[in-house]
Amino acid sequence: MNQEIKDQMRAAGVNIEGALERLMNNEKLYERLLGKFKADTNYQGLRDAIEEERYEDAFNCAHALKGVAGNLGLDSLMNADVVIVEKLRSNSYDGLKDDVKVLTETYNKIMEAVDKLG
C-alpha cells in the first residue's frame, strides 16, 4: 500500500495502524481483506432495508457492518454506523435517513481509497 493511499485512508478516518496490529502487521493480508470488503453486501443491504422500512434486516446489516468496519480499522465508518445500530436497537427511527447519509459519505470516502488498491 503506497503512502498516498495510506494518507487518503487516514484522512477518511481509517486506523491503519490499529488494523495492522490486529493482523500481526501483515500489510498484504490487510490489503486483501480491504479488497474483500468491497464485495461486502451489508452496507447496501442496510441502505435498502432502511429505505424499505425493514428495520430488523437493517439492524442485522448495520450490526455486521459495524463489526467488519471495527476489525478493519474503518473507525469513521464504524462510528457513523454505531449511531444507526443504536437507533435500530431501540426502535427509534427519527433521523435515520439522515444518519444513513452521513454513513454513505463516510463509506464513499473510504471506498475511494480502497478502490485505488486495485
PDB file of N, CA and C in Angstrom:
ATOM      1  N   MET A   1       0.858  -1.162   0.000  1.00  0.00           N
ATOM      2  CA  MET A   1       0.000   0.000   0.000  1.00  0.00           C
ATOM      3  C   MET A   1       0.911   1.235   0.000  1.00  0.00           C
ATOM      4  N   ASN A   2       0.734   2.086  -0.983  1.00  0.00           N
ATOM      5  CA  ASN A   2       1.628   3.231  -1.059  1.00  0.00           C
ATOM      6  C   ASN A   2       1.203   4.336  -0.086  1.00  0.00           C
ATOM      7  N   GLN A   3       2.092   5.275   0.107  1.00  0.00           N
ATOM      8  CA  GLN A   3       1.876   6.336   1.100  1.00  0.00           C
ATOM      9  C   GLN A   3       0.665   7.202   0.759  1.00  0.00           C
ATOM     10  N   GLU A   4       0.421   7.461  -0.512  1.00  0.00           N
ATOM     11  CA  GLU A   4      -0.724   8.279  -0.926  1.00  0.00           C
ATOM     12  C   GLU A   4      -2.044   7.629  -0.490  1.00  0.00           C
ATOM     13  N   ILE A   5      -2.149   6.332  -0.701  1.00  0.00           N
ATOM     14  CA  ILE A   5      -3.362   5.613  -0.302  1.00  0.00           C
ATOM     15  C   ILE A   5      -3.489   5.607   1.216  1.00  0.00           C
ATOM     16  N   LYS A   6      -2.389   5.370   1.912  1.00  0.00           N
ATOM     17  CA  LYS A   6      -2.420   5.404   3.377  1.00  0.00           C
ATOM     18  C   LYS A   6      -2.887   6.764   3.882  1.00  0.00           C
ATOM     19  N   ASP A   7      -2.361   7.833   3.287  1.00  0.00           N
ATOM     20  CA  ASP A   7      -2.751   9.181   3.703  1.00  0.00           C
ATOM     21  C   ASP A   7      -4.227   9.436   3.434  1.00  0.00           C
ATOM     22  N   GLN A   8      -4.704   8.979   2.287  1.00  0.00           N
ATOM     23  CA  GLN A   8      -6.114   9.156   1.944  1.00  0.00           C
ATOM     24  C   GLN A   8      -6.998   8.368   2.907  1.00  0.00           C
ATOM     25  N   MET A   9      -6.573   7.175   3.241  1.00  0.00           N
ATOM     26  CA  MET A   9      -7.351   6.356   4.164  1.00  0.00           C
ATOM     27  C   MET A   9      -7.374   6.988   5.556  1.00  0.00           C
ATOM     28  N   ARG A  10      -6.233   7.459   6.008  1.00  0.00           N
ATOM     29  CA  ARG A  10      -6.182   8.121   7.315  1.00  0.00           C
ATOM     30  C   ARG A  10      -7.092   9.346   7.329  1.00  0.00           C
ATOM     31  N   ALA A  11      -7.070  10.118   6.235  1.00  0.00           N
ATOM     32  CA  ALA A  11      -7.922  11.308   6.135  1.00  0.00           C
ATOM     33  C   ALA A  11      -9.407  10.938   6.160  1.00  0.00           C
ATOM     34  N   ALA A  12      -9.717   9.730   5.719  1.00  0.00           N
ATOM     35  CA  ALA A  12     -11.109   9.251   5.730  1.00  0.00           C
ATOM     36  C   ALA A  12     -11.485   8.612   7.062  1.00  0.00           C
ATOM     37  N   GLY A  13     -10.555   8.627   8.024  1.00  0.00           N
ATOM     38  CA  GLY A  13     -10.868   8.097   9.349  1.00  0.00           C
ATOM     39  C   GLY A  13     -10.537   6.633   9.541  1.00  0.00           C
ATOM     40  N   VAL A  14      -9.570   6.138   8.786  1.00  0.00           N
ATOM     41  CA  VAL A  14      -9.170   4.741   8.904  1.00  0.00           C
ATOM     42  C   VAL A  14      -7.957   4.644   9.833  1.00  0.00           C
ATOM     43  N   ASN A  15      -8.040   3.745  10.792  1.00  0.00           N
ATOM     44  CA  ASN A  15      -6.956   3.494  11.732  1.00  0.00           C
ATOM     45  C   ASN A  15      -6.133   2.312  11.194  1.00  0.00           C
ATOM     46  N   ILE A  16      -5.264   2.618  10.261  1.00  0.00           N
ATOM     47  CA  ILE A  16      -4.465   1.584   9.603  1.00  0.00           C
ATOM     48  C   ILE A  16      -3.587   0.850  10.617  1.00  0.00           C
ATOM     49  N   GLU A  17      -2.965   1.604  11.490  1.00  0.00           N
ATOM     50  CA  GLU A  17      -2.046   1.001  12.453  1.00  0.00           C
ATOM     51  C   GLU A  17      -2.766   0.013  13.376  1.00  0.00           C
ATOM     52  N   GLY A  18      -3.945   0.389  13.847  1.00  0.00           N
ATOM     53  CA  GLY A  18      -4.714  -0.496  14.720  1.00  0.00           C
ATOM     54  C   GLY A  18      -5.110  -1.784  14.011  1.00  0.00           C
ATOM     55  N   ALA A  19      -5.530  -1.642  12.753  1.00  0.00           N
ATOM     56  CA  ALA A  19      -5.908  -2.825  11.980  1.00  0.00           C
ATOM     57  C   ALA A  19      -4.697  -3.720  11.747  1.00  0.00           C
ATOM     58  N   LEU A  20      -3.585  -3.112  11.384  1.00  0.00           N
ATOM     59  CA  LEU A  20      -2.377  -3.905  11.149  1.00  0.00           C
ATOM     60  C   LEU A  20      -1.912  -4.607  12.418  1.00  0.00           C
ATOM     61  N   GLU A  21      -2.086  -3.953  13.537  1.00  0.00           N
ATOM     62  CA  GLU A  21      -1.714  -4.582  14.807  1.00  0.00           C
ATOM     63  C   GLU A  21      -2.534  -5.855  15.034  1.00  0.00           C
ATOM     64  N   ARG A  22      -3.839  -5.788  14.721  1.00  0.00           N
ATOM     65  CA  ARG A  22      -4.698  -6.970  14.870  1.00  0.00           C
ATOM     66  C   ARG A  22      -4.298  -8.072  13.892  1.00  0.00           C
ATOM     67  N   LEU A  23      -3.670  -7.675  12.788  1.00  0.00           N
ATOM     68  CA  LEU A  23      -3.277  -8.635  11.750  1.00  0.00           C
ATOM     69  C   LEU A  23      -1.789  -8.954  11.795  1.00  0.00           C
ATOM     70  N   MET A  24      -1.183  -8.733  12.949  1.00  0.00           N
ATOM     71  CA  MET A  24       0.236  -9.033  13.148  1.00  0.00           C
ATOM     72  C   MET A  24       1.109  -8.333  12.106  1.00  0.00           C
ATOM     73  N   ASN A  25       0.728  -7.093  11.772  1.00  0.00           N
ATOM     74  CA  ASN A  25       1.452  -6.238  10.821  1.00  0.00           C
ATOM     75  C   ASN A  25       1.596  -6.840   9.427  1.00  0.00           C
ATOM     76  N   ASN A  26       0.652  -7.674   9.037  1.00  0.00           N
ATOM     77  CA  ASN A  26       0.657  -8.285   7.713  1.00  0.00           C
ATOM     78  C   ASN A  26      -0.106  -7.364   6.746  1.00  0.00           C
ATOM     79  N   GLU A  27       0.644  -6.474   6.101  1.00  0.00           N
ATOM     80  CA  GLU A  27       0.027  -5.480   5.220  1.00  0.00           C
ATOM     81  C   GLU A  27      -0.648  -6.116   4.010  1.00  0.00           C
ATOM     82  N   LYS A  28      -0.080  -7.170   3.487  1.00  0.00           N
ATOM     83  CA  LYS A  28      -0.683  -7.860   2.330  1.00  0.00           C
ATOM     84  C   LYS A  28      -2.047  -8.451   2.713  1.00  0.00           C
ATOM     85  N   LEU A  29      -2.120  -9.037   3.893  1.00  0.00           N
ATOM     86  CA  LEU A  29      -3.398  -9.571   4.369  1.00  0.00           C
ATOM     87  C   LEU A  29      -4.407  -8.445   4.530  1.00  0.00           C
ATOM     88  N   TYR A  30      -3.963  -7.321   5.074  1.00  0.00           N
ATOM     89  CA  TYR A  30      -4.856  -6.170   5.250  1.00  0.00           C
ATOM     90  C   TYR A  30      -5.402  -5.697   3.900  1.00  0.00           C
ATOM     91  N   GLU A  31      -4.532  -5.589   2.921  1.00  0.00           N
ATOM     92  CA  GLU A  31      -4.973  -5.177   1.595  1.00  0.00           C
ATOM     93  C   GLU A  31      -5.977  -6.180   1.014  1.00  0.00           C
ATOM     94  N   ARG A  32      -5.711  -7.449   1.223  1.00  0.00           N
ATOM     95  CA  ARG A  32      -6.622  -8.490   0.730  1.00  0.00           C
ATOM     96  C   ARG A  32      -7.988  -8.374   1.411  1.00  0.00           C
ATOM     97  N   LEU A  33      -7.982  -8.149   2.724  1.00  0.00           N
ATOM     98  CA  LEU A  33      -9.245  -8.011   3.457  1.00  0.00           C
ATOM     99  C   LEU A  33     -10.004  -6.758   3.031  1.00  0.00           C
ATOM    100  N   LEU A  34      -9.285  -5.680   2.786  1.00  0.00           N
ATOM    101  CA  LEU A  34      -9.941  -4.470   2.280  1.00  0.00           C
ATOM    102  C   LEU A  34     -10.551  -4.726   0.913  1.00  0.00           C
ATOM    103  N   GLY A  35      -9.866  -5.504   0.094  1.00  0.00           N
ATOM    104  CA  GLY A  35     -10.419  -5.879  -1.207  1.00  0.00           C
ATOM    105  C   GLY A  35     -11.694  -6.691  -1.065  1.00  0.00           C
ATOM    106  N   LYS A  36     -11.710  -7.580  -0.099  1.00  0.00           N
ATOM    107  CA  LYS A  36     -12.918  -8.378   0.153  1.00  0.00           C
ATOM    108  C   LYS A  36     -14.043  -7.509   0.709  1.00  0.00           C
ATOM    109  N   PHE A  37     -13.673  -6.467   1.445  1.00  0.00           N
ATOM    110  CA  PHE A  37     -14.674  -5.557   1.995  1.00  0.00           C
ATOM    111  C   PHE A  37     -15.472  -4.887   0.877  1.00  0.00           C
ATOM    112  N   LYS A  38     -14.831  -4.661  -0.256  1.00  0.00           N
ATOM    113  CA  LYS A  38     -15.532  -4.054  -1.386  1.00  0.00           C
ATOM    114  C   LYS A  38     -16.731  -4.900  -1.810  1.00  0.00           C
ATOM    115  N   ALA A  39     -16.641  -6.213  -1.617  1.00  0.00           N
ATOM    116  CA  ALA A  39     -17.715  -7.122  -2.017  1.00  0.00           C
ATOM    117  C   ALA A  39     -18.746  -7.348  -0.906  1.00  0.00           C
ATOM    118  N   ASP A  40     -18.485  -6.813   0.276  1.00  0.00           N
ATOM    119  CA  ASP A  40     -19.403  -6.997   1.403  1.00  0.00           C
ATOM    120  C   ASP A  40     -20.737  -6.318   1.088  1.00  0.00           C
ATOM    121  N   THR A  41     -21.825  -7.007   1.334  1.00  0.00           N
ATOM    122  CA  THR A  41     -23.151  -6.502   0.963  1.00  0.00           C
ATOM    123  C   THR A  41     -23.897  -5.824   2.116  1.00  0.00           C
ATOM    124  N   ASN A  42     -23.294  -5.756   3.280  1.00  0.00           N
ATOM    125  CA  ASN A  42     -24.020  -5.213   4.431  1.00  0.00           C
ATOM    126  C   ASN A  42     -24.341  -3.728   4.311  1.00  0.00           C
ATOM    127  N   TYR A  43     -23.453  -2.948   3.729  1.00  0.00           N
ATOM    128  CA  TYR A  43     -23.731  -1.517   3.563  1.00  0.00           C
ATOM    129  C   TYR A  43     -24.948  -1.318   2.666  1.00  0.00           C
ATOM    130  N   GLN A  44     -24.937  -1.941   1.500  1.00  0.00           N
ATOM    131  CA  GLN A  44     -26.071  -1.784   0.584  1.00  0.00           C
ATOM    132  C   GLN A  44     -27.331  -2.411   1.165  1.00  0.00           C
ATOM    133  N   GLY A  45     -27.189  -3.531   1.850  1.00  0.00           N
ATOM    134  CA  GLY A  45     -28.336  -4.157   2.493  1.00  0.00           C
ATOM    135  C   GLY A  45     -28.956  -3.251   3.545  1.00  0.00           C
ATOM    136  N   LEU A  46     -28.123  -2.562   4.293  1.00  0.00           N
ATOM    137  CA  LEU A  46     -28.597  -1.610   5.298  1.00  0.00           C
ATOM    138  C   LEU A  46     -29.372  -0.485   4.632  1.00  0.00           C
ATOM    139  N   ARG A  47     -28.795   0.087   3.593  1.00  0.00           N
ATOM    140  CA  ARG A  47     -29.473   1.186   2.882  1.00  0.00           C
ATOM    141  C   ARG A  47     -30.824   0.734   2.340  1.00  0.00           C
ATOM    142  N   ASP A  48     -30.838  -0.418   1.679  1.00  0.00           N
ATOM    143  CA  ASP A  48     -32.078  -0.928   1.088  1.00  0.00           C
ATOM    144  C   ASP A  48     -33.127  -1.204   2.157  1.00  0.00           C
ATOM    145  N   ALA A  49     -32.703  -1.839   3.249  1.00  0.00           N
ATOM    146  CA  ALA A  49     -33.649  -2.199   4.314  1.00  0.00           C
ATOM    147  C   ALA A  49     -34.244  -0.957   4.978  1.00  0.00           C
ATOM    148  N   ILE A  50     -33.449   0.060   5.179  1.00  0.00           N
ATOM    149  CA  ILE A  50     -33.983   1.287   5.782  1.00  0.00           C
ATOM    150  C   ILE A  50     -34.942   1.960   4.814  1.00  0.00           C
ATOM    151  N   GLU A  51     -34.575   2.006   3.564  1.00  0.00           N
ATOM    152  CA  GLU A  51     -35.458   2.617   2.549  1.00  0.00           C
ATOM    153  C   GLU A  51     -36.810   1.894   2.510  1.00  0.00           C
ATOM    154  N   GLU A  52     -36.775   0.586   2.694  1.00  0.00           N
ATOM    155  CA  GLU A  52     -37.998  -0.225   2.643  1.00  0.00           C
ATOM    156  C   GLU A  52     -38.626  -0.436   4.021  1.00  0.00           C
ATOM    157  N   GLU A  53     -38.051   0.217   5.035  1.00  0.00           N
ATOM    158  CA  GLU A  53     -38.535   0.145   6.417  1.00  0.00           C
ATOM    159  C   GLU A  53     -38.564  -1.290   6.962  1.00  0.00           C
ATOM    160  N   ARG A  54     -37.594  -2.078   6.560  1.00  0.00           N
ATOM    161  CA  ARG A  54     -37.405  -3.426   7.103  1.00  0.00           C
ATOM    162  C   ARG A  54     -36.334  -3.297   8.185  1.00  0.00           C
ATOM    163  N   TYR A  55     -36.757  -2.855   9.350  1.00  0.00           N
ATOM    164  CA  TYR A  55     -35.813  -2.442  10.376  1.00  0.00           C
ATOM    165  C   TYR A  55     -35.049  -3.594  11.027  1.00  0.00           C
ATOM    166  N   GLU A  56     -35.630  -4.765  11.093  1.00  0.00           N
ATOM    167  CA  GLU A  56     -34.892  -5.904  11.642  1.00  0.00           C
ATOM    168  C   GLU A  56     -33.740  -6.282  10.701  1.00  0.00           C
ATOM    169  N   ASP A  57     -34.026  -6.310   9.409  1.00  0.00           N
ATOM    170  CA  ASP A  57     -32.973  -6.581   8.426  1.00  0.00           C
ATOM    171  C   ASP A  57     -31.917  -5.481   8.465  1.00  0.00           C
ATOM    172  N   ALA A  58     -32.372  -4.240   8.606  1.00  0.00           N
ATOM    173  CA  ALA A  58     -31.446  -3.109   8.676  1.00  0.00           C
ATOM    174  C   ALA A  58     -30.529  -3.265   9.880  1.00  0.00           C
ATOM    175  N   PHE A  59     -31.094  -3.655  11.013  1.00  0.00           N
ATOM    176  CA  PHE A  59     -30.281  -3.844  12.213  1.00  0.00           C
ATOM    177  C   PHE A  59     -29.223  -4.920  11.987  1.00  0.00           C
ATOM    178  N   ASN A  60     -29.619  -6.037  11.396  1.00  0.00           N
ATOM    179  CA  ASN A  60     -28.671  -7.132  11.165  1.00  0.00           C
ATOM    180  C   ASN A  60     -27.526  -6.682  10.257  1.00  0.00           C
ATOM    181  N   CYS A  61     -27.835  -5.959   9.202  1.00  0.00           N
ATOM    182  CA  CYS A  61     -26.797  -5.461   8.290  1.00  0.00           C
ATOM    183  C   CYS A  61     -25.916  -4.434   8.991  1.00  0.00           C
ATOM    184  N   ALA A  62     -26.543  -3.518   9.732  1.00  0.00           N
ATOM    185  CA  ALA A  62     -25.787  -2.469  10.422  1.00  0.00           C
ATOM    186  C   ALA A  62     -24.850  -3.078  11.459  1.00  0.00           C
ATOM    187  N   HIS A  63     -25.341  -4.059  12.173  1.00  0.00           N
ATOM    188  CA  HIS A  63     -24.533  -4.698  13.221  1.00  0.00           C
ATOM    189  C   HIS A  63     -23.338  -5.437  12.605  1.00  0.00           C
ATOM    190  N   ALA A  64     -23.579  -6.143  11.521  1.00  0.00           N
ATOM    191  CA  ALA A  64     -22.485  -6.855  10.835  1.00  0.00           C
ATOM    192  C   ALA A  64     -21.480  -5.862  10.256  1.00  0.00           C
ATOM    193  N   LEU A  65     -21.972  -4.779   9.657  1.00  0.00           N
ATOM    194  CA  LEU A  65     -21.087  -3.765   9.093  1.00  0.00           C
ATOM    195  C   LEU A  65     -20.226  -3.130  10.173  1.00  0.00           C
ATOM    196  N   LYS A  66     -20.811  -2.890  11.316  1.00  0.00           N
ATOM    197  CA  LYS A  66     -20.066  -2.303  12.437  1.00  0.00           C
ATOM    198  C   LYS A  66     -18.896  -3.199  12.836  1.00  0.00           C
ATOM    199  N   GLY A  67     -19.139  -4.494  12.913  1.00  0.00           N
ATOM    200  CA  GLY A  67     -18.088  -5.434  13.292  1.00  0.00           C
ATOM    201  C   GLY A  67     -16.966  -5.503  12.275  1.00  0.00           C
ATOM    202  N   VAL A  68     -17.330  -5.584  11.016  1.00  0.00           N
ATOM    203  CA  VAL A  68     -16.319  -5.643   9.955  1.00  0.00           C
ATOM    204  C   VAL A  68     -15.520  -4.344   9.932  1.00  0.00           C
ATOM    205  N   ALA A  69     -16.223  -3.218  10.007  1.00  0.00           N
ATOM    206  CA  ALA A  69     -15.547  -1.919   9.988  1.00  0.00           C
ATOM    207  C   ALA A  69     -14.583  -1.799  11.166  1.00  0.00           C
ATOM    208  N   GLY A  70     -15.011  -2.237  12.328  1.00  0.00           N
ATOM    209  CA  GLY A  70     -14.142  -2.174  13.503  1.00  0.00           C
ATOM    210  C   GLY A  70     -12.903  -3.023  13.352  1.00  0.00           C
ATOM    211  N   ASN A  71     -13.064  -4.217  12.845  1.00  0.00           N
ATOM    212  CA  ASN A  71     -11.916  -5.117  12.666  1.00  0.00           C
ATOM    213  C   ASN A  71     -10.922  -4.594  11.641  1.00  0.00           C
ATOM    214  N   LEU A  72     -11.420  -3.879  10.630  1.00  0.00           N
ATOM    215  CA  LEU A  72     -10.548  -3.369   9.574  1.00  0.00           C
ATOM    216  C   LEU A  72     -10.014  -1.973   9.877  1.00  0.00           C
ATOM    217  N   GLY A  73     -10.348  -1.443  11.041  1.00  0.00           N
ATOM    218  CA  GLY A  73      -9.855  -0.120  11.408  1.00  0.00           C
ATOM    219  C   GLY A  73     -10.582   1.012  10.705  1.00  0.00           C
ATOM    220  N   LEU A  74     -11.736   0.725  10.155  1.00  0.00           N
ATOM    221  CA  LEU A  74     -12.533   1.745   9.474  1.00  0.00           C
ATOM    222  C   LEU A  74     -13.339   2.501  10.535  1.00  0.00           C
ATOM    223  N   ASP A  75     -12.609   3.180  11.397  1.00  0.00           N
ATOM    224  CA  ASP A  75     -13.197   3.772  12.598  1.00  0.00           C
ATOM    225  C   ASP A  75     -14.286   4.787  12.294  1.00  0.00           C
ATOM    226  N   SER A  76     -14.086   5.639  11.293  1.00  0.00           N
ATOM    227  CA  SER A  76     -15.100   6.642  10.975  1.00  0.00           C
ATOM    228  C   SER A  76     -16.389   5.974  10.497  1.00  0.00           C
ATOM    229  N   LEU A  77     -16.265   4.898   9.745  1.00  0.00           N
ATOM    230  CA  LEU A  77     -17.432   4.154   9.272  1.00  0.00           C
ATOM    231  C   LEU A  77     -18.119   3.470  10.448  1.00  0.00           C
ATOM    232  N   MET A  78     -17.339   2.851  11.290  1.00  0.00           N
ATOM    233  CA  MET A  78     -17.892   2.182  12.464  1.00  0.00           C
ATOM    234  C   MET A  78     -18.629   3.189  13.350  1.00  0.00           C
ATOM    235  N   ASN A  79     -18.029   4.352  13.576  1.00  0.00           N
ATOM    236  CA  ASN A  79     -18.656   5.356  14.437  1.00  0.00           C
ATOM    237  C   ASN A  79     -19.954   5.885  13.848  1.00  0.00           C
ATOM    238  N   ALA A  80     -19.985   6.095  12.537  1.00  0.00           N
ATOM    239  CA  ALA A  80     -21.224   6.533  11.891  1.00  0.00           C
ATOM    240  C   ALA A  80     -22.279   5.435  11.970  1.00  0.00           C
ATOM    241  N   ASP A  81     -21.850   4.202  11.887  1.00  0.00           N
ATOM    242  CA  ASP A  81     -22.764   3.063  11.922  1.00  0.00           C
ATOM    243  C   ASP A  81     -23.303   2.799  13.325  1.00  0.00           C
ATOM    244  N   VAL A  82     -22.511   3.068  14.336  1.00  0.00           N
ATOM    245  CA  VAL A  82     -22.955   2.853  15.726  1.00  0.00           C
ATOM    246  C   VAL A  82     -24.230   3.648  16.004  1.00  0.00           C
ATOM    247  N   VAL A  83     -24.301   4.857  15.483  1.00  0.00           N
ATOM    248  CA  VAL A  83     -25.490   5.692  15.670  1.00  0.00           C
ATOM    249  C   VAL A  83     -26.719   4.977  15.118  1.00  0.00           C
ATOM    250  N   ILE A  84     -26.571   4.391  13.956  1.00  0.00           N
ATOM    251  CA  ILE A  84     -27.680   3.679  13.307  1.00  0.00           C
ATOM    252  C   ILE A  84     -28.027   2.417  14.074  1.00  0.00           C
ATOM    253  N   VAL A  85     -27.021   1.662  14.455  1.00  0.00           N
ATOM    254  CA  VAL A  85     -27.250   0.424  15.212  1.00  0.00           C
ATOM    255  C   VAL A  85     -28.040   0.717  16.487  1.00  0.00           C
ATOM    256  N   GLU A  86     -27.639   1.733  17.206  1.00  0.00           N
ATOM    257  CA  GLU A  86     -28.311   2.041  18.480  1.00  0.00           C
ATOM    258  C   GLU A  86     -29.738   2.522  18.262  1.00  0.00           C
ATOM    259  N   LYS A  87     -29.976   3.301  17.227  1.00  0.00           N
ATOM    260  CA  LYS A  87     -31.345   3.724  16.935  1.00  0.00           C
ATOM    261  C   LYS A  87     -32.210   2.521  16.581  1.00  0.00           C
ATOM    262  N   LEU A  88     -31.678   1.640  15.747  1.00  0.00           N
ATOM    263  CA  LEU A  88     -32.443   0.454  15.355  1.00  0.00           C
ATOM    264  C   LEU A  88     -32.674  -0.464  16.550  1.00  0.00           C
ATOM    265  N   ARG A  89     -31.677  -0.584  17.404  1.00  0.00           N
ATOM    266  CA  ARG A  89     -31.800  -1.433  18.591  1.00  0.00           C
ATOM    267  C   ARG A  89     -32.929  -0.938  19.502  1.00  0.00           C
ATOM    268  N   SER A  90     -33.076   0.380  19.572  1.00  0.00           N
ATOM    269  CA  SER A  90     -34.086   0.955  20.472  1.00  0.00           C
ATOM    270  C   SER A  90     -35.380   1.323  19.743  1.00  0.00           C
ATOM    271  N   ASN A  91     -35.513   0.853  18.502  1.00  0.00           N
ATOM    272  CA  ASN A  91     -36.709   1.133  17.694  1.00  0.00           C
ATOM    273  C   ASN A  91     -36.997   2.626  17.592  1.00  0.00           C
ATOM    274  N   SER A  92     -35.959   3.416  17.462  1.00  0.00           N
ATOM    275  CA  SER A  92     -36.071   4.864  17.327  1.00  0.00           C
ATOM    276  C   SER A  92     -35.622   5.233  15.916  1.00  0.00           C
ATOM    277  N   TYR A  93     -36.569   5.540  15.059  1.00  0.00           N
ATOM    278  CA  TYR A  93     -36.270   5.698  13.642  1.00  0.00           C
ATOM    279  C   TYR A  93     -36.174   7.152  13.191  1.00  0.00           C
ATOM    280  N   ASP A  94     -36.390   8.098  14.098  1.00  0.00           N
ATOM    281  CA  ASP A  94     -36.306   9.512  13.748  1.00  0.00           C
ATOM    282  C   ASP A  94     -34.889   9.863  13.314  1.00  0.00           C
ATOM    283  N   GLY A  95     -34.777  10.511  12.173  1.00  0.00           N
ATOM    284  CA  GLY A  95     -33.487  10.952  11.677  1.00  0.00           C
ATOM    285  C   GLY A  95     -32.628   9.856  11.079  1.00  0.00           C
ATOM    286  N   LEU A  96     -33.183   8.679  10.956  1.00  0.00           N
ATOM    287  CA  LEU A  96     -32.409   7.529  10.475  1.00  0.00           C
ATOM    288  C   LEU A  96     -31.897   7.746   9.055  1.00  0.00           C
ATOM    289  N   LYS A  97     -32.719   8.314   8.207  1.00  0.00           N
ATOM    290  CA  LYS A  97     -32.285   8.537   6.818  1.00  0.00           C
ATOM    291  C   LYS A  97     -31.142   9.551   6.758  1.00  0.00           C
ATOM    292  N   ASP A  98     -31.160  10.541   7.644  1.00  0.00           N
ATOM    293  CA  ASP A  98     -30.041  11.493   7.710  1.00  0.00           C
ATOM    294  C   ASP A  98     -28.774  10.794   8.197  1.00  0.00           C
ATOM    295  N   ASP A  99     -28.938   9.885   9.150  1.00  0.00           N
ATOM    296  CA  ASP A  99     -27.790   9.118   9.648  1.00  0.00           C
ATOM    297  C   ASP A  99     -27.193   8.260   8.540  1.00  0.00           C
ATOM    298  N   VAL A 100     -28.046   7.722   7.689  1.00  0.00           N
ATOM    299  CA  VAL A 100     -27.570   6.912   6.564  1.00  0.00           C
ATOM    300  C   VAL A 100     -26.814   7.792   5.569  1.00  0.00           C
ATOM    301  N   LYS A 101     -27.231   9.035   5.407  1.00  0.00           N
ATOM    302  CA  LYS A 101     -26.497   9.955   4.524  1.00  0.00           C
ATOM    303  C   LYS A 101     -25.076  10.175   5.044  1.00  0.00           C
ATOM    304  N   VAL A 102     -24.936  10.357   6.347  1.00  0.00           N
ATOM    305  CA  VAL A 102     -23.610  10.516   6.955  1.00  0.00           C
ATOM    306  C   VAL A 102     -22.788   9.247   6.746  1.00  0.00           C
ATOM    307  N   LEU A 103     -23.414   8.108   6.967  1.00  0.00           N
ATOM    308  CA  LEU A 103     -22.747   6.820   6.758  1.00  0.00           C
ATOM    309  C   LEU A 103     -22.279   6.687   5.309  1.00  0.00           C
ATOM    310  N   THR A 104     -23.123   7.075   4.387  1.00  0.00           N
ATOM    311  CA  THR A 104     -22.809   6.974   2.962  1.00  0.00           C
ATOM    312  C   THR A 104     -21.622   7.860   2.595  1.00  0.00           C
ATOM    313  N   GLU A 105     -21.588   9.071   3.105  1.00  0.00           N
ATOM    314  CA  GLU A 105     -20.461   9.964   2.838  1.00  0.00           C
ATOM    315  C   GLU A 105     -19.160   9.338   3.344  1.00  0.00           C
ATOM    316  N   THR A 106     -19.212   8.792   4.532  1.00  0.00           N
ATOM    317  CA  THR A 106     -18.032   8.163   5.126  1.00  0.00           C
ATOM    318  C   THR A 106     -17.626   6.933   4.325  1.00  0.00           C
ATOM    319  N   TYR A 107     -18.586   6.110   3.996  1.00  0.00           N
ATOM    320  CA  TYR A 107     -18.341   4.894   3.214  1.00  0.00           C
ATOM    321  C   TYR A 107     -17.680   5.250   1.882  1.00  0.00           C
ATOM    322  N   ASN A 108     -18.215   6.260   1.203  1.00  0.00           N
ATOM    323  CA  ASN A 108     -17.683   6.638  -0.107  1.00  0.00           C
ATOM    324  C   ASN A 108     -16.242   7.132  -0.018  1.00  0.00           C
ATOM    325  N   LYS A 109     -15.915   7.893   1.015  1.00  0.00           N
ATOM    326  CA  LYS A 109     -14.537   8.370   1.185  1.00  0.00           C
ATOM    327  C   LYS A 109     -13.578   7.198   1.379  1.00  0.00           C
ATOM    328  N   ILE A 110     -13.993   6.247   2.187  1.00  0.00           N
ATOM    329  CA  ILE A 110     -13.150   5.074   2.429  1.00  0.00           C
ATOM    330  C   ILE A 110     -13.016   4.237   1.167  1.00  0.00           C
ATOM    331  N   MET A 111     -14.126   4.022   0.475  1.00  0.00           N
ATOM    332  CA  MET A 111     -14.094   3.184  -0.715  1.00  0.00           C
ATOM    333  C   MET A 111     -13.274   3.821  -1.833  1.00  0.00           C
ATOM    334  N   GLU A 112     -13.233   5.134  -1.885  1.00  0.00           N
ATOM    335  CA  GLU A 112     -12.415   5.818  -2.889  1.00  0.00           C
ATOM    336  C   GLU A 112     -10.946   5.426  -2.714  1.00  0.00           C
ATOM    337  N   ALA A 113     -10.507   5.357  -1.461  1.00  0.00           N
ATOM    338  CA  ALA A 113      -9.121   4.952  -1.189  1.00  0.00           C
ATOM    339  C   ALA A 113      -8.936   3.455  -1.430  1.00  0.00           C
ATOM    340  N   VAL A 114      -9.878   2.653  -0.979  1.00  0.00           N
ATOM    341  CA  VAL A 114      -9.778   1.201  -1.128  1.00  0.00           C
ATOM    342  C   VAL A 114      -9.753   0.819  -2.613  1.00  0.00           C
ATOM    343  N   ASP A 115     -10.516   1.519  -3.420  1.00  0.00           N
ATOM    344  CA  ASP A 115     -10.548   1.227  -4.870  1.00  0.00           C
ATOM    345  C   ASP A 115      -9.179   1.414  -5.503  1.00  0.00           C
ATOM    346  N   LYS A 116      -8.354   2.278  -4.945  1.00  0.00           N
ATOM    347  CA  LYS A 116      -7.028   2.525  -5.511  1.00  0.00           C
ATOM    348  C   LYS A 116      -6.055   1.370  -5.226  1.00  0.00           C
ATOM    349  N   LEU A 117      -6.454   0.474  -4.335  1.00  0.00           N
ATOM    350  CA  LEU A 117      -5.587  -0.675  -4.045  1.00  0.00           C
ATOM    351  C   LEU A 117      -5.536  -1.641  -5.227  1.00  0.00           C
ATOM    352  N   GLY A 118      -6.542  -1.556  -6.096  1.00  0.00           N
ATOM    353  CA  GLY A 118      -6.523  -2.414  -7.275  1.00  0.00           C
ATOM    354  C   GLY A 118      -7.483  -3.552  -7.224  1.00  0.00           C
TER     355      GLY A 118
END
